[in-house]
Amino acid sequence: MWHDAFHFESLVWDGPIAIYLFLLGISAGSCTLSVLLRLRKGAGSESGIIKATAILAPLSVILGLMLLIHHLARPWTFWKLMFHYQFDSVMSMGVMLFQVYMAVLFAWLGVVFRAEIEGVRRKLLGDKLAFVDGLIALVGRFERLLAPVLLVLAALLGAYTGFLLSALISYPMLHNPVLPVLFLISGVSSGVASTTLLAVTLFKEDGHSQGVSFVHRFERPVVTLELLLLASFFGVLYAAGGQSEVAMQAAIGGGFWSNVFWFGVIGVGILLPQLLSLVAGKEKAHRPSHLVLLCSLSLLGILMLRYFILYAGQMTLV
């Protein structure tokens, strides 16, 4: 059963691609939330959420790309994608998006952490490379422009993970117009969970802090929207009929991947965290141990969603 679920004739993209999509979602989601936190609340480098994003947003993209490069049949030719753009290729457009996104992300993080960067530079290099401080100050003048641009790029990155799969037109379940929006919203959900998890564990952020409280305001609206999008995703398949309806039945009508969806994605990833949050009450819900549990369950559910969409979506061909 396990072997058949992960190895079948129509399978083209396997597990590492699911992890790649999961990591990009974390980057897009965490970046979106931190930019909004700074715009709305004026949070800076002291915020555990923004500190978490400074690690998660660039690192998850770098790890995702390294995983993708390693997974390619000819990884040593990947560098060509970095400089030779093909505007009719979803993969090539994705590489271009990564480059612009990372450049703007590092510029924004440089502005937010300018005092820390200057302090480290002075401690390690003295007066050397002092021009870096002036360069960051110059970029800081354009932060009001930089922030909305980064928001747009993060949204495009989150949606790109869905567009990448929807380009596989031979698979009716993946060639679904709802998929990019679904992956965008679930990416925001992974951003809520990952930034909170890192903030309360690594940076000892209090559960009642401004940053954690702000981020968790998004949790239930995002989960509700995610459920609606999942219903729409399968509704589109059912309405299309033919092989699209066959793909839907194969995915959620029984079998291994159906169990992953109902018990893993819906049960463990969505309903269980909400139930535990309601049972815990307001005070316990902000305890670090409780937040760690809820965030871990949410991230596990989102990872299973990526695996479910990827594998179940390739079981049925047009």
C-alpha atoms as a PDB file:
ATOM      1  CA  MET A   1       0.000   0.000   0.000  1.00  0.00           C
ATOM      2  CA  TRP A   2       2.749   2.438   1.001  1.00  0.00           C
ATOM      3  CA  HIS A   3       4.844   1.471  -2.004  1.00  0.00           C
ATOM      4  CA  ASP A   4       1.935   1.890  -4.436  1.00  0.00           C
ATOM      5  CA  ALA A   5       1.084   5.306  -2.975  1.00  0.00           C
ATOM      6  CA  PHE A   6       4.587   6.684  -3.585  1.00  0.00           C
ATOM      7  CA  HIS A   7       5.511   4.766  -6.733  1.00  0.00           C
ATOM      8  CA  PHE A   8       3.152   4.590  -9.681  1.00  0.00           C
ATOM      9  CA  GLU A   9       3.478   4.802 -13.445  1.00  0.00           C
ATOM     10  CA  SER A  10       2.138   8.341 -13.945  1.00  0.00           C
ATOM     11  CA  LEU A  11       4.348   9.884 -11.226  1.00  0.00           C
ATOM     12  CA  VAL A  12       6.737  12.568 -12.534  1.00  0.00           C
ATOM     13  CA  TRP A  13       7.477  14.796  -9.513  1.00  0.00           C
ATOM     14  CA  ASP A  14       8.036  13.120  -6.148  1.00  0.00           C
ATOM     15  CA  GLY A  15       8.658  13.921  -2.482  1.00  0.00           C
ATOM     16  CA  PRO A  16      11.500  16.484  -2.685  1.00  0.00           C
ATOM     17  CA  ILE A  17       9.260  18.715  -4.813  1.00  0.00           C
ATOM     18  CA  ALA A  18       6.610  18.668  -2.053  1.00  0.00           C
ATOM     19  CA  ILE A  19       9.232  19.789   0.493  1.00  0.00           C
ATOM     20  CA  TYR A  20      10.435  22.459  -1.955  1.00  0.00           C
ATOM     21  CA  LEU A  21       6.882  23.823  -2.284  1.00  0.00           C
ATOM     22  CA  PHE A  22       6.458  23.696   1.513  1.00  0.00           C
ATOM     23  CA  LEU A  23       9.665  25.699   2.104  1.00  0.00           C
ATOM     24  CA  LEU A  24       8.727  28.373  -0.424  1.00  0.00           C
ATOM     25  CA  GLY A  25       5.348  28.739   1.278  1.00  0.00           C
ATOM     26  CA  ILE A  26       7.050  29.318   4.631  1.00  0.00           C
ATOM     27  CA  SER A  27       9.259  32.029   3.126  1.00  0.00           C
ATOM     28  CA  ALA A  28       6.365  33.809   1.424  1.00  0.00           C
ATOM     29  CA  GLY A  29       4.079  33.550   4.454  1.00  0.00           C
ATOM     30  CA  SER A  30       6.611  34.640   7.073  1.00  0.00           C
ATOM     31  CA  CYS A  31       7.747  37.568   4.926  1.00  0.00           C
ATOM     32  CA  THR A  32       4.167  38.735   4.344  1.00  0.00           C
ATOM     33  CA  LEU A  33       3.347  38.687   8.045  1.00  0.00           C
ATOM     34  CA  SER A  34       6.513  40.510   9.128  1.00  0.00           C
ATOM     35  CA  VAL A  35       6.115  43.278   6.561  1.00  0.00           C
ATOM     36  CA  LEU A  36       2.504  43.777   7.712  1.00  0.00           C
ATOM     37  CA  LEU A  37       3.635  43.732  11.349  1.00  0.00           C
ATOM     38  CA  ARG A  38       6.156  46.499  10.664  1.00  0.00           C
ATOM     39  CA  LEU A  39       3.706  48.544   8.585  1.00  0.00           C
ATOM     40  CA  ARG A  40       0.812  48.236  11.027  1.00  0.00           C
ATOM     41  CA  LYS A  41       2.575  48.191  14.399  1.00  0.00           C
ATOM     42  CA  GLY A  42       5.951  49.758  13.657  1.00  0.00           C
ATOM     43  CA  ALA A  43       7.769  46.645  14.910  1.00  0.00           C
ATOM     44  CA  GLY A  44      11.519  46.531  14.395  1.00  0.00           C
ATOM     45  CA  SER A  45      14.507  44.308  15.016  1.00  0.00           C
ATOM     46  CA  GLU A  46      13.429  43.749  18.632  1.00  0.00           C
ATOM     47  CA  SER A  47      10.421  41.690  17.512  1.00  0.00           C
ATOM     48  CA  GLY A  48      10.796  37.923  17.791  1.00  0.00           C
ATOM     49  CA  ILE A  49       8.510  37.499  14.771  1.00  0.00           C
ATOM     50  CA  ILE A  50      10.718  39.693  12.569  1.00  0.00           C
ATOM     51  CA  LYS A  51      13.848  37.980  13.911  1.00  0.00           C
ATOM     52  CA  ALA A  52      12.275  34.652  13.003  1.00  0.00           C
ATOM     53  CA  THR A  53      11.499  35.922   9.501  1.00  0.00           C
ATOM     54  CA  ALA A  54      15.086  37.106   9.063  1.00  0.00           C
ATOM     55  CA  ILE A  55      16.088  33.451   9.420  1.00  0.00           C
ATOM     56  CA  LEU A  56      13.130  31.675   7.848  1.00  0.00           C
ATOM     57  CA  ALA A  57      12.434  33.791   4.758  1.00  0.00           C
ATOM     58  CA  PRO A  58      15.857  33.622   3.078  1.00  0.00           C
ATOM     59  CA  LEU A  59      16.945  30.252   4.513  1.00  0.00           C
ATOM     60  CA  SER A  60      13.854  28.356   3.379  1.00  0.00           C
ATOM     61  CA  VAL A  61      14.250  29.656  -0.197  1.00  0.00           C
ATOM     62  CA  ILE A  62      17.956  28.749  -0.219  1.00  0.00           C
ATOM     63  CA  LEU A  63      17.267  25.256   1.167  1.00  0.00           C
ATOM     64  CA  GLY A  64      14.393  24.791  -1.275  1.00  0.00           C
ATOM     65  CA  LEU A  65      16.533  25.738  -4.266  1.00  0.00           C
ATOM     66  CA  MET A  66      19.391  23.508  -3.080  1.00  0.00           C
ATOM     67  CA  LEU A  67      16.935  20.629  -2.769  1.00  0.00           C
ATOM     68  CA  LEU A  68      15.558  21.325  -6.238  1.00  0.00           C
ATOM     69  CA  ILE A  69      19.031  21.556  -7.794  1.00  0.00           C
ATOM     70  CA  HIS A  70      20.093  18.295  -6.150  1.00  0.00           C
ATOM     71  CA  HIS A  71      16.894  16.631  -7.338  1.00  0.00           C
ATOM     72  CA  LEU A  72      17.404  17.590 -10.992  1.00  0.00           C
ATOM     73  CA  ALA A  73      18.724  14.911 -13.305  1.00  0.00           C
ATOM     74  CA  ARG A  74      21.475  17.323 -14.461  1.00  0.00           C
ATOM     75  CA  PRO A  75      22.068  19.640 -11.459  1.00  0.00           C
ATOM     76  CA  TRP A  76      25.297  21.151 -12.825  1.00  0.00           C
ATOM     77  CA  THR A  77      23.351  22.850 -15.625  1.00  0.00           C
ATOM     78  CA  PHE A  78      21.017  24.653 -13.211  1.00  0.00           C
ATOM     79  CA  TRP A  79      23.160  27.794 -13.331  1.00  0.00           C
ATOM     80  CA  LYS A  80      21.939  28.385 -16.892  1.00  0.00           C
ATOM     81  CA  LEU A  81      18.452  29.091 -15.512  1.00  0.00           C
ATOM     82  CA  MET A  82      19.941  31.894 -13.415  1.00  0.00           C
ATOM     83  CA  PHE A  83      20.979  33.896 -16.466  1.00  0.00           C
ATOM     84  CA  HIS A  84      19.095  32.544 -19.473  1.00  0.00           C
ATOM     85  CA  TYR A  85      15.425  33.410 -18.978  1.00  0.00           C
ATOM     86  CA  GLN A  86      12.671  31.778 -20.990  1.00  0.00           C
ATOM     87  CA  PHE A  87       9.446  33.743 -20.719  1.00  0.00           C
ATOM     88  CA  ASP A  88       7.373  30.735 -21.764  1.00  0.00           C
ATOM     89  CA  SER A  89       8.814  28.573 -18.963  1.00  0.00           C
ATOM     90  CA  VAL A  90       7.182  28.557 -15.509  1.00  0.00           C
ATOM     91  CA  MET A  91      10.422  27.269 -13.972  1.00  0.00           C
ATOM     92  CA  SER A  92      12.505  30.027 -15.587  1.00  0.00           C
ATOM     93  CA  MET A  93      10.050  32.709 -14.472  1.00  0.00           C
ATOM     94  CA  GLY A  94      10.220  31.241 -10.991  1.00  0.00           C
ATOM     95  CA  VAL A  95      14.002  31.605 -10.918  1.00  0.00           C
ATOM     96  CA  MET A  96      13.671  35.242 -11.979  1.00  0.00           C
ATOM     97  CA  LEU A  97      11.098  35.780  -9.214  1.00  0.00           C
ATOM     98  CA  PHE A  98      13.456  34.209  -6.633  1.00  0.00           C
ATOM     99  CA  GLN A  99      16.268  36.546  -7.625  1.00  0.00           C
ATOM    100  CA  VAL A 100      14.176  39.720  -7.398  1.00  0.00           C
ATOM    101  CA  TYR A 101      12.443  38.543  -4.214  1.00  0.00           C
ATOM    102  CA  MET A 102      15.724  37.729  -2.456  1.00  0.00           C
ATOM    103  CA  ALA A 103      17.294  41.049  -3.467  1.00  0.00           C
ATOM    104  CA  VAL A 104      14.347  43.069  -2.125  1.00  0.00           C
ATOM    105  CA  LEU A 105      14.077  40.843   0.969  1.00  0.00           C
ATOM    106  CA  PHE A 106      17.736  41.369   1.913  1.00  0.00           C
ATOM    107  CA  ALA A 107      17.397  45.107   1.277  1.00  0.00           C
ATOM    108  CA  TRP A 108      14.358  45.274   3.581  1.00  0.00           C
ATOM    109  CA  LEU A 109      16.039  43.168   6.282  1.00  0.00           C
ATOM    110  CA  GLY A 110      19.117  45.388   6.022  1.00  0.00           C
ATOM    111  CA  VAL A 111      16.969  48.432   6.769  1.00  0.00           C
ATOM    112  CA  VAL A 112      15.194  46.753   9.689  1.00  0.00           C
ATOM    113  CA  PHE A 113      18.449  45.476  11.240  1.00  0.00           C
ATOM    114  CA  ARG A 114      20.616  48.454  10.287  1.00  0.00           C
ATOM    115  CA  ALA A 115      21.741  49.137  13.886  1.00  0.00           C
ATOM    116  CA  GLU A 116      22.720  45.502  14.444  1.00  0.00           C
ATOM    117  CA  ILE A 117      24.567  45.337  11.115  1.00  0.00           C
ATOM    118  CA  GLU A 118      26.513  48.513  11.929  1.00  0.00           C
ATOM    119  CA  GLY A 119      27.388  47.182  15.383  1.00  0.00           C
ATOM    120  CA  VAL A 120      28.704  43.880  14.017  1.00  0.00           C
ATOM    121  CA  ARG A 121      30.652  45.662  11.280  1.00  0.00           C
ATOM    122  CA  ARG A 122      32.334  48.021  13.749  1.00  0.00           C
ATOM    123  CA  LYS A 123      33.165  45.171  16.124  1.00  0.00           C
ATOM    124  CA  LEU A 124      34.680  42.915  13.474  1.00  0.00           C
ATOM    125  CA  LEU A 125      36.066  45.379  10.904  1.00  0.00           C
ATOM    126  CA  GLY A 126      36.462  48.699  12.682  1.00  0.00           C
ATOM    127  CA  ASP A 127      36.214  51.522  10.157  1.00  0.00           C
ATOM    128  CA  LYS A 128      36.445  49.208   7.164  1.00  0.00           C
ATOM    129  CA  LEU A 129      33.438  48.921   4.836  1.00  0.00           C
ATOM    130  CA  ALA A 130      31.861  51.979   6.495  1.00  0.00           C
ATOM    131  CA  PHE A 131      30.168  52.745   3.178  1.00  0.00           C
ATOM    132  CA  VAL A 132      27.770  49.858   3.913  1.00  0.00           C
ATOM    133  CA  ASP A 133      26.110  51.942   6.646  1.00  0.00           C
ATOM    134  CA  GLY A 134      25.542  54.798   4.211  1.00  0.00           C
ATOM    135  CA  LEU A 135      24.196  52.406   1.586  1.00  0.00           C
ATOM    136  CA  ILE A 136      21.693  50.912   4.044  1.00  0.00           C
ATOM    137  CA  ALA A 137      20.682  54.423   5.145  1.00  0.00           C
ATOM    138  CA  LEU A 138      20.078  55.329   1.510  1.00  0.00           C
ATOM    139  CA  VAL A 139      17.914  52.231   0.972  1.00  0.00           C
ATOM    140  CA  GLY A 140      16.075  53.082   4.195  1.00  0.00           C
ATOM    141  CA  ARG A 141      14.777  56.286   2.621  1.00  0.00           C
ATOM    142  CA  PHE A 142      12.774  54.137   0.234  1.00  0.00           C
ATOM    143  CA  GLU A 143      11.370  51.733   2.851  1.00  0.00           C
ATOM    144  CA  ARG A 144       7.811  52.955   2.227  1.00  0.00           C
ATOM    145  CA  LEU A 145       8.206  51.819  -1.365  1.00  0.00           C
ATOM    146  CA  LEU A 146      10.260  48.741  -0.515  1.00  0.00           C
ATOM    147  CA  ALA A 147       7.669  47.252   1.858  1.00  0.00           C
ATOM    148  CA  PRO A 148       4.701  47.064  -0.566  1.00  0.00           C
ATOM    149  CA  VAL A 149       6.995  45.786  -3.336  1.00  0.00           C
ATOM    150  CA  LEU A 150       8.168  43.013  -1.011  1.00  0.00           C
ATOM    151  CA  LEU A 151       4.556  42.200  -0.125  1.00  0.00           C
ATOM    152  CA  VAL A 152       3.681  41.797  -3.802  1.00  0.00           C
ATOM    153  CA  LEU A 153       6.757  39.637  -4.431  1.00  0.00           C
ATOM    154  CA  ALA A 154       5.971  37.440  -1.408  1.00  0.00           C
ATOM    155  CA  ALA A 155       2.395  36.968  -2.661  1.00  0.00           C
ATOM    156  CA  LEU A 156       3.708  36.075  -6.129  1.00  0.00           C
ATOM    157  CA  LEU A 157       6.135  33.577  -4.587  1.00  0.00           C
ATOM    158  CA  GLY A 158       3.345  31.950  -2.590  1.00  0.00           C
ATOM    159  CA  ALA A 159       1.093  31.714  -5.642  1.00  0.00           C
ATOM    160  CA  TYR A 160       3.976  30.543  -7.853  1.00  0.00           C
ATOM    161  CA  THR A 161       4.145  27.239  -5.973  1.00  0.00           C
ATOM    162  CA  GLY A 162       0.610  26.556  -7.199  1.00  0.00           C
ATOM    163  CA  PHE A 163       1.253  27.829 -10.723  1.00  0.00           C
ATOM    164  CA  LEU A 164       4.231  25.471 -10.969  1.00  0.00           C
ATOM    165  CA  LEU A 165       1.966  22.459 -10.461  1.00  0.00           C
ATOM    166  CA  SER A 166      -0.980  23.816 -12.435  1.00  0.00           C
ATOM    167  CA  ALA A 167       1.320  24.008 -15.474  1.00  0.00           C
ATOM    168  CA  LEU A 168       1.175  20.197 -15.594  1.00  0.00           C
ATOM    169  CA  ILE A 169      -1.818  20.174 -17.942  1.00  0.00           C
ATOM    170  CA  SER A 170      -1.867  16.383 -18.333  1.00  0.00           C
ATOM    171  CA  TYR A 171      -3.062  16.013 -14.734  1.00  0.00           C
ATOM    172  CA  PRO A 172      -6.633  17.336 -14.321  1.00  0.00           C
ATOM    173  CA  MET A 173      -6.396  17.654 -10.533  1.00  0.00           C
ATOM    174  CA  LEU A 174      -3.254  19.798 -10.736  1.00  0.00           C
ATOM    175  CA  HIS A 175      -4.425  21.847 -13.724  1.00  0.00           C
ATOM    176  CA  ASN A 176      -6.823  23.664 -11.424  1.00  0.00           C
ATOM    177  CA  PRO A 177      -7.256  27.484 -11.288  1.00  0.00           C
ATOM    178  CA  VAL A 178      -7.834  27.390  -7.516  1.00  0.00           C
ATOM    179  CA  LEU A 179      -4.451  25.787  -6.769  1.00  0.00           C
ATOM    180  CA  PRO A 180      -2.272  28.964  -6.817  1.00  0.00           C
ATOM    181  CA  VAL A 181      -4.636  30.763  -4.419  1.00  0.00           C
ATOM    182  CA  LEU A 182      -4.869  27.689  -2.177  1.00  0.00           C
ATOM    183  CA  PHE A 183      -1.087  27.441  -1.934  1.00  0.00           C
ATOM    184  CA  LEU A 184      -0.806  31.192  -1.324  1.00  0.00           C
ATOM    185  CA  ILE A 185      -3.209  31.062   1.631  1.00  0.00           C
ATOM    186  CA  SER A 186      -1.740  27.860   3.087  1.00  0.00           C
ATOM    187  CA  GLY A 187       1.662  29.548   2.766  1.00  0.00           C
ATOM    188  CA  VAL A 188       0.422  32.393   4.973  1.00  0.00           C
ATOM    189  CA  SER A 189      -0.816  29.747   7.424  1.00  0.00           C
ATOM    190  CA  SER A 190       2.652  28.155   7.446  1.00  0.00           C
ATOM    191  CA  GLY A 191       4.098  31.637   8.008  1.00  0.00           C
ATOM    192  CA  VAL A 192       1.922  32.103  11.103  1.00  0.00           C
ATOM    193  CA  ALA A 193       2.998  28.736  12.506  1.00  0.00           C
ATOM    194  CA  SER A 194       6.709  28.885  11.634  1.00  0.00           C
ATOM    195  CA  THR A 195       7.365  32.449  12.827  1.00  0.00           C
ATOM    196  CA  THR A 196       5.477  31.862  16.077  1.00  0.00           C
ATOM    197  CA  LEU A 197       7.272  28.555  16.660  1.00  0.00           C
ATOM    198  CA  LEU A 198      10.705  30.101  16.160  1.00  0.00           C
ATOM    199  CA  ALA A 199       9.852  33.288  18.064  1.00  0.00           C
ATOM    200  CA  VAL A 200       8.706  31.500  21.239  1.00  0.00           C
ATOM    201  CA  THR A 201      11.417  28.816  21.213  1.00  0.00           C
ATOM    202  CA  LEU A 202      14.588  30.453  19.886  1.00  0.00           C
ATOM    203  CA  PHE A 203      13.906  34.095  20.783  1.00  0.00           C
ATOM    204  CA  LYS A 204      11.802  33.454  23.915  1.00  0.00           C
ATOM    205  CA  GLU A 205       9.013  35.744  22.717  1.00  0.00           C
ATOM    206  CA  ASP A 206       6.109  35.988  25.151  1.00  0.00           C
ATOM    207  CA  GLY A 207       2.815  34.562  23.926  1.00  0.00           C
ATOM    208  CA  HIS A 208       1.130  37.888  24.741  1.00  0.00           C
ATOM    209  CA  SER A 209       3.700  39.983  22.880  1.00  0.00           C
ATOM    210  CA  GLN A 210       2.692  42.419  20.179  1.00  0.00           C
ATOM    211  CA  GLY A 211       4.211  40.330  17.406  1.00  0.00           C
ATOM    212  CA  VAL A 212       2.745  36.948  18.388  1.00  0.00           C
ATOM    213  CA  SER A 213      -0.672  38.482  19.088  1.00  0.00           C
ATOM    214  CA  PHE A 214      -0.658  40.274  15.720  1.00  0.00           C
ATOM    215  CA  VAL A 215       0.320  37.152  13.780  1.00  0.00           C
ATOM    216  CA  HIS A 216      -2.292  34.988  15.490  1.00  0.00           C
ATOM    217  CA  ARG A 217      -5.070  37.347  14.476  1.00  0.00           C
ATOM    218  CA  PHE A 218      -4.611  35.875  11.010  1.00  0.00           C
ATOM    219  CA  GLU A 219      -4.884  32.263  12.138  1.00  0.00           C
ATOM    220  CA  ARG A 220      -8.636  31.618  12.136  1.00  0.00           C
ATOM    221  CA  PRO A 221      -9.510  33.804   9.116  1.00  0.00           C
ATOM    222  CA  VAL A 222      -6.750  32.092   7.133  1.00  0.00           C
ATOM    223  CA  VAL A 223      -7.857  28.603   8.220  1.00  0.00           C
ATOM    224  CA  THR A 224     -11.469  29.428   7.312  1.00  0.00           C
ATOM    225  CA  LEU A 225     -10.382  30.695   3.898  1.00  0.00           C
ATOM    226  CA  GLU A 226      -8.213  27.615   3.432  1.00  0.00           C
ATOM    227  CA  LEU A 227     -11.209  25.338   4.051  1.00  0.00           C
ATOM    228  CA  LEU A 228     -13.319  27.324   1.586  1.00  0.00           C
ATOM    229  CA  LEU A 229     -10.578  27.100  -1.020  1.00  0.00           C
ATOM    230  CA  LEU A 230     -10.255  23.343  -0.520  1.00  0.00           C
ATOM    231  CA  ALA A 231     -14.007  23.023  -1.074  1.00  0.00           C
ATOM    232  CA  SER A 232     -13.701  25.183  -4.194  1.00  0.00           C
ATOM    233  CA  PHE A 233     -10.714  23.163  -5.392  1.00  0.00           C
ATOM    234  CA  PHE A 234     -12.687  19.923  -5.358  1.00  0.00           C
ATOM    235  CA  GLY A 235     -15.859  21.689  -6.498  1.00  0.00           C
ATOM    236  CA  VAL A 236     -14.088  22.774  -9.685  1.00  0.00           C
ATOM    237  CA  LEU A 237     -13.044  19.168 -10.339  1.00  0.00           C
ATOM    238  CA  TYR A 238     -16.552  17.839  -9.730  1.00  0.00           C
ATOM    239  CA  ALA A 239     -18.169  20.489 -11.936  1.00  0.00           C
ATOM    240  CA  ALA A 240     -15.736  19.775 -14.791  1.00  0.00           C
ATOM    241  CA  GLY A 241     -16.773  16.122 -14.880  1.00  0.00           C
ATOM    242  CA  GLY A 242     -14.916  13.501 -16.916  1.00  0.00           C
ATOM    243  CA  GLN A 243     -11.360  12.789 -15.839  1.00  0.00           C
ATOM    244  CA  SER A 244     -11.432  15.744 -13.444  1.00  0.00           C
ATOM    245  CA  GLU A 245     -14.204  14.079 -11.464  1.00  0.00           C
ATOM    246  CA  VAL A 246     -12.336  10.777 -11.663  1.00  0.00           C
ATOM    247  CA  ALA A 247      -9.254  12.523 -10.251  1.00  0.00           C
ATOM    248  CA  MET A 248     -11.301  13.925  -7.364  1.00  0.00           C
ATOM    249  CA  GLN A 249     -12.772  10.523  -6.512  1.00  0.00           C
ATOM    250  CA  ALA A 250      -9.334   8.895  -6.675  1.00  0.00           C
ATOM    251  CA  ALA A 251      -7.891  11.562  -4.370  1.00  0.00           C
ATOM    252  CA  ILE A 252     -10.492  11.802  -1.590  1.00  0.00           C
ATOM    253  CA  GLY A 253     -12.833   8.867  -2.182  1.00  0.00           C
ATOM    254  CA  GLY A 254     -10.738   6.207  -0.483  1.00  0.00           C
ATOM    255  CA  GLY A 255      -7.221   4.819  -0.298  1.00  0.00           C
ATOM    256  CA  PHE A 256      -3.918   5.980   1.165  1.00  0.00           C
ATOM    257  CA  TRP A 257      -3.939   9.601  -0.042  1.00  0.00           C
ATOM    258  CA  SER A 258      -7.591   9.997   0.891  1.00  0.00           C
ATOM    259  CA  ASN A 259      -6.645   9.073   4.477  1.00  0.00           C
ATOM    260  CA  VAL A 260      -3.755  11.545   4.369  1.00  0.00           C
ATOM    261  CA  PHE A 261      -6.183  14.274   3.333  1.00  0.00           C
ATOM    262  CA  TRP A 262      -9.045  13.574   5.753  1.00  0.00           C
ATOM    263  CA  PHE A 263      -7.059  12.506   8.819  1.00  0.00           C
ATOM    264  CA  GLY A 264      -3.821  14.397   8.180  1.00  0.00           C
ATOM    265  CA  VAL A 265      -4.611  17.655   6.385  1.00  0.00           C
ATOM    266  CA  ILE A 266      -8.123  18.250   7.731  1.00  0.00           C
ATOM    267  CA  GLY A 267      -7.913  16.385  11.064  1.00  0.00           C
ATOM    268  CA  VAL A 268      -4.374  16.936  12.344  1.00  0.00           C
ATOM    269  CA  GLY A 269      -3.522  20.137  10.474  1.00  0.00           C
ATOM    270  CA  ILE A 270      -6.749  22.141  10.705  1.00  0.00           C
ATOM    271  CA  LEU A 271      -9.410  20.806  13.091  1.00  0.00           C
ATOM    272  CA  LEU A 272      -7.196  19.521  15.933  1.00  0.00           C
ATOM    273  CA  PRO A 273      -5.289  22.813  16.446  1.00  0.00           C
ATOM    274  CA  GLN A 274      -8.565  24.750  16.434  1.00  0.00           C
ATOM    275  CA  LEU A 275     -10.139  22.321  18.897  1.00  0.00           C
ATOM    276  CA  LEU A 276      -7.129  22.453  21.233  1.00  0.00           C
ATOM    277  CA  SER A 277      -7.152  26.239  21.035  1.00  0.00           C
ATOM    278  CA  LEU A 278     -10.835  26.401  22.015  1.00  0.00           C
ATOM    279  CA  VAL A 279     -10.446  23.891  24.859  1.00  0.00           C
ATOM    280  CA  ALA A 280      -7.347  25.611  26.254  1.00  0.00           C
ATOM    281  CA  GLY A 281      -8.982  28.978  26.867  1.00  0.00           C
ATOM    282  CA  LYS A 282      -7.430  32.414  26.466  1.00  0.00           C
ATOM    283  CA  GLU A 283      -4.727  32.171  29.137  1.00  0.00           C
ATOM    284  CA  LYS A 284      -3.370  28.699  28.350  1.00  0.00           C
ATOM    285  CA  ALA A 285      -3.571  29.376  24.607  1.00  0.00           C
ATOM    286  CA  HIS A 286      -0.677  31.871  24.948  1.00  0.00           C
ATOM    287  CA  ARG A 287       1.660  29.551  26.835  1.00  0.00           C
ATOM    288  CA  PRO A 288       4.843  28.692  24.879  1.00  0.00           C
ATOM    289  CA  SER A 289       4.327  24.926  25.226  1.00  0.00           C
ATOM    290  CA  HIS A 290       0.782  25.209  23.875  1.00  0.00           C
ATOM    291  CA  LEU A 291       1.854  27.453  21.002  1.00  0.00           C
ATOM    292  CA  VAL A 292       4.631  25.034  20.068  1.00  0.00           C
ATOM    293  CA  LEU A 293       2.132  22.155  19.915  1.00  0.00           C
ATOM    294  CA  LEU A 294      -0.398  24.081  17.825  1.00  0.00           C
ATOM    295  CA  CYS A 295       2.232  25.420  15.434  1.00  0.00           C
ATOM    296  CA  SER A 296       3.831  21.991  14.995  1.00  0.00           C
ATOM    297  CA  LEU A 297       0.454  20.425  14.163  1.00  0.00           C
ATOM    298  CA  SER A 298      -0.332  23.196  11.684  1.00  0.00           C
ATOM    299  CA  LEU A 299       3.011  22.848   9.910  1.00  0.00           C
ATOM    300  CA  LEU A 300       2.616  19.072   9.759  1.00  0.00           C
ATOM    301  CA  GLY A 301      -0.823  19.490   8.192  1.00  0.00           C
ATOM    302  CA  ILE A 302       0.469  21.983   5.597  1.00  0.00           C
ATOM    303  CA  LEU A 303       3.353  19.675   4.685  1.00  0.00           C
ATOM    304  CA  MET A 304       0.874  16.811   4.267  1.00  0.00           C
ATOM    305  CA  LEU A 305      -1.277  19.047   2.055  1.00  0.00           C
ATOM    306  CA  ARG A 306       1.705  19.587  -0.254  1.00  0.00           C
ATOM    307  CA  TYR A 307       2.366  15.841  -0.395  1.00  0.00           C
ATOM    308  CA  PHE A 308      -1.314  15.075  -0.937  1.00  0.00           C
ATOM    309  CA  ILE A 309      -1.750  17.569  -3.787  1.00  0.00           C
ATOM    310  CA  LEU A 310       1.488  16.492  -5.459  1.00  0.00           C
ATOM    311  CA  TYR A 311       1.003  12.716  -5.288  1.00  0.00           C
ATOM    312  CA  ALA A 312      -2.784  12.410  -5.479  1.00  0.00           C
ATOM    313  CA  GLY A 313      -2.764  14.974  -8.295  1.00  0.00           C
ATOM    314  CA  GLN A 314      -0.529  12.755 -10.422  1.00  0.00           C
ATOM    315  CA  MET A 315      -2.569   9.570 -10.045  1.00  0.00           C
ATOM    316  CA  THR A 316      -5.031  10.496 -12.815  1.00  0.00           C
ATOM    317  CA  LEU A 317      -4.168  11.572 -16.332  1.00  0.00           C
ATOM    318  CA  VAL A 318      -6.376  13.331 -18.885  1.00  0.00           C
END
